[in-house]
Amino acid sequence: MSEHNRSERARRNGAKSKGPTSTTGKRWSSKNSFKTGLYAKTIEAFPKELQDHYNRIHKAYRTDYRPSDSIEDDLLAQMAFNRTRY
């Protein structure tokens, strides 16, 4: 098979690909390039072990700082989230 035919066939096959279509497939695909979580917006984007680490940090912050309202608790959650990413 000539190089031209091979590259033409590869081009046609590549045009057929539309990526994952199921909800599960999209969820798996969204995690393909996870490295640091630097741009993650939710803790669910993290692997299970990092979610557990986040929960431990957040619990420790709650114990140490004893937030008096939901705003302070949200700030502690953000601190724990930022610490988990590194």
C-alpha atoms as a PDB file:
ATOM      1  CA  MET A   1       0.000   0.000   0.000  1.00  0.00           C
ATOM      2  CA  SER A   2       1.367   3.376  -0.924  1.00  0.00           C
ATOM      3  CA  GLU A   3       2.120   6.074   1.632  1.00  0.00           C
ATOM      4  CA  HIS A   4      -0.544   8.306   0.069  1.00  0.00           C
ATOM      5  CA  ASN A   5      -3.275   5.648   0.409  1.00  0.00           C
ATOM      6  CA  ARG A   6      -2.292   4.932   4.003  1.00  0.00           C
ATOM      7  CA  SER A   7      -2.372   8.587   5.032  1.00  0.00           C
ATOM      8  CA  GLU A   8      -5.667   9.120   3.198  1.00  0.00           C
ATOM      9  CA  ARG A   9      -7.248   6.161   5.004  1.00  0.00           C
ATOM     10  CA  ALA A  10      -5.925   7.433   8.356  1.00  0.00           C
ATOM     11  CA  ARG A  11      -7.437  10.853   7.621  1.00  0.00           C
ATOM     12  CA  ARG A  12     -10.858   9.317   6.854  1.00  0.00           C
ATOM     13  CA  ASN A  13     -10.795   7.144   9.984  1.00  0.00           C
ATOM     14  CA  GLY A  14      -9.785  10.108  12.125  1.00  0.00           C
ATOM     15  CA  ALA A  15     -12.715  12.127  10.795  1.00  0.00           C
ATOM     16  CA  LYS A  16     -15.125   9.415  12.002  1.00  0.00           C
ATOM     17  CA  SER A  17     -13.996   9.682  15.628  1.00  0.00           C
ATOM     18  CA  LYS A  18     -16.307  11.781  17.771  1.00  0.00           C
ATOM     19  CA  GLY A  19     -14.934  10.932  21.230  1.00  0.00           C
ATOM     20  CA  PRO A  20     -16.886   9.451  24.116  1.00  0.00           C
ATOM     21  CA  THR A  21     -20.669   9.726  23.930  1.00  0.00           C
ATOM     22  CA  SER A  22     -21.840   8.088  27.158  1.00  0.00           C
ATOM     23  CA  THR A  23     -21.841   9.918  30.479  1.00  0.00           C
ATOM     24  CA  THR A  24     -19.433   7.366  31.931  1.00  0.00           C
ATOM     25  CA  GLY A  25     -17.097   7.651  28.950  1.00  0.00           C
ATOM     26  CA  LYS A  26     -17.063  11.435  29.179  1.00  0.00           C
ATOM     27  CA  ARG A  27     -16.319  11.284  32.910  1.00  0.00           C
ATOM     28  CA  TRP A  28     -13.383   8.889  32.336  1.00  0.00           C
ATOM     29  CA  SER A  29     -12.114  10.953  29.425  1.00  0.00           C
ATOM     30  CA  SER A  30     -12.179  14.164  31.465  1.00  0.00           C
ATOM     31  CA  LYS A  31      -9.643  12.624  33.858  1.00  0.00           C
ATOM     32  CA  ASN A  32      -7.178  11.526  31.157  1.00  0.00           C
ATOM     33  CA  SER A  33      -4.840  14.478  31.572  1.00  0.00           C
ATOM     34  CA  PHE A  34      -5.091  15.009  35.345  1.00  0.00           C
ATOM     35  CA  LYS A  35      -1.683  15.918  36.721  1.00  0.00           C
ATOM     36  CA  THR A  36      -1.766  18.482  39.532  1.00  0.00           C
ATOM     37  CA  GLY A  37      -5.373  19.618  39.767  1.00  0.00           C
ATOM     38  CA  LEU A  38      -4.177  23.200  39.472  1.00  0.00           C
ATOM     39  CA  TYR A  39      -7.223  24.218  37.441  1.00  0.00           C
ATOM     40  CA  ALA A  40      -9.721  21.886  39.109  1.00  0.00           C
ATOM     41  CA  LYS A  41     -12.896  23.590  40.209  1.00  0.00           C
ATOM     42  CA  THR A  42     -14.323  20.803  42.378  1.00  0.00           C
ATOM     43  CA  ILE A  43     -12.877  18.157  44.668  1.00  0.00           C
ATOM     44  CA  GLU A  44     -14.647  15.483  42.575  1.00  0.00           C
ATOM     45  CA  ALA A  45     -12.035  16.107  39.881  1.00  0.00           C
ATOM     46  CA  PHE A  46      -9.420  14.602  42.203  1.00  0.00           C
ATOM     47  CA  PRO A  47      -8.627  10.892  42.535  1.00  0.00           C
ATOM     48  CA  LYS A  48     -10.145   9.158  45.582  1.00  0.00           C
ATOM     49  CA  GLU A  49      -6.956   9.284  47.660  1.00  0.00           C
ATOM     50  CA  LEU A  50      -6.679  13.065  47.183  1.00  0.00           C
ATOM     51  CA  GLN A  51     -10.351  13.472  48.108  1.00  0.00           C
ATOM     52  CA  ASP A  52      -9.628  11.605  51.346  1.00  0.00           C
ATOM     53  CA  HIS A  53      -6.592  13.837  51.944  1.00  0.00           C
ATOM     54  CA  TYR A  54      -8.795  16.922  51.384  1.00  0.00           C
ATOM     55  CA  ASN A  55     -11.389  15.625  53.863  1.00  0.00           C
ATOM     56  CA  ARG A  56      -8.704  15.066  56.529  1.00  0.00           C
ATOM     57  CA  ILE A  57      -7.254  18.558  56.029  1.00  0.00           C
ATOM     58  CA  HIS A  58     -10.691  20.203  56.082  1.00  0.00           C
ATOM     59  CA  LYS A  59     -11.633  18.338  59.255  1.00  0.00           C
ATOM     60  CA  ALA A  60      -8.355  19.402  60.923  1.00  0.00           C
ATOM     61  CA  TYR A  61      -8.939  23.033  59.910  1.00  0.00           C
ATOM     62  CA  ARG A  62     -12.460  22.908  61.345  1.00  0.00           C
ATOM     63  CA  THR A  63     -11.082  21.545  64.615  1.00  0.00           C
ATOM     64  CA  ASP A  64      -8.265  24.106  64.818  1.00  0.00           C
ATOM     65  CA  TYR A  65     -10.114  27.236  63.659  1.00  0.00           C
ATOM     66  CA  ARG A  66     -13.681  26.447  64.790  1.00  0.00           C
ATOM     67  CA  PRO A  67     -15.582  28.452  62.123  1.00  0.00           C
ATOM     68  CA  SER A  68     -18.493  30.455  63.504  1.00  0.00           C
ATOM     69  CA  ASP A  69     -20.532  30.625  60.290  1.00  0.00           C
ATOM     70  CA  SER A  70     -20.805  29.170  56.796  1.00  0.00           C
ATOM     71  CA  ILE A  71     -18.599  31.878  55.277  1.00  0.00           C
ATOM     72  CA  GLU A  72     -15.701  30.967  57.546  1.00  0.00           C
ATOM     73  CA  ASP A  73     -16.309  27.279  56.832  1.00  0.00           C
ATOM     74  CA  ASP A  74     -16.253  28.008  53.087  1.00  0.00           C
ATOM     75  CA  LEU A  75     -12.908  29.761  53.534  1.00  0.00           C
ATOM     76  CA  LEU A  76     -11.543  26.735  55.391  1.00  0.00           C
ATOM     77  CA  ALA A  77     -12.816  24.479  52.605  1.00  0.00           C
ATOM     78  CA  GLN A  78     -11.027  26.665  50.048  1.00  0.00           C
ATOM     79  CA  MET A  79      -7.819  26.546  52.095  1.00  0.00           C
ATOM     80  CA  ALA A  80      -8.031  22.746  52.287  1.00  0.00           C
ATOM     81  CA  PHE A  81      -8.793  22.534  48.563  1.00  0.00           C
ATOM     82  CA  ASN A  82      -5.776  24.700  47.695  1.00  0.00           C
ATOM     83  CA  ARG A  83      -3.504  22.704  49.983  1.00  0.00           C
ATOM     84  CA  THR A  84      -4.681  19.417  48.444  1.00  0.00           C
ATOM     85  CA  ARG A  85      -3.679  20.532  44.958  1.00  0.00           C
ATOM     86  CA  TYR A  86       0.018  20.734  45.851  1.00  0.00           C
END
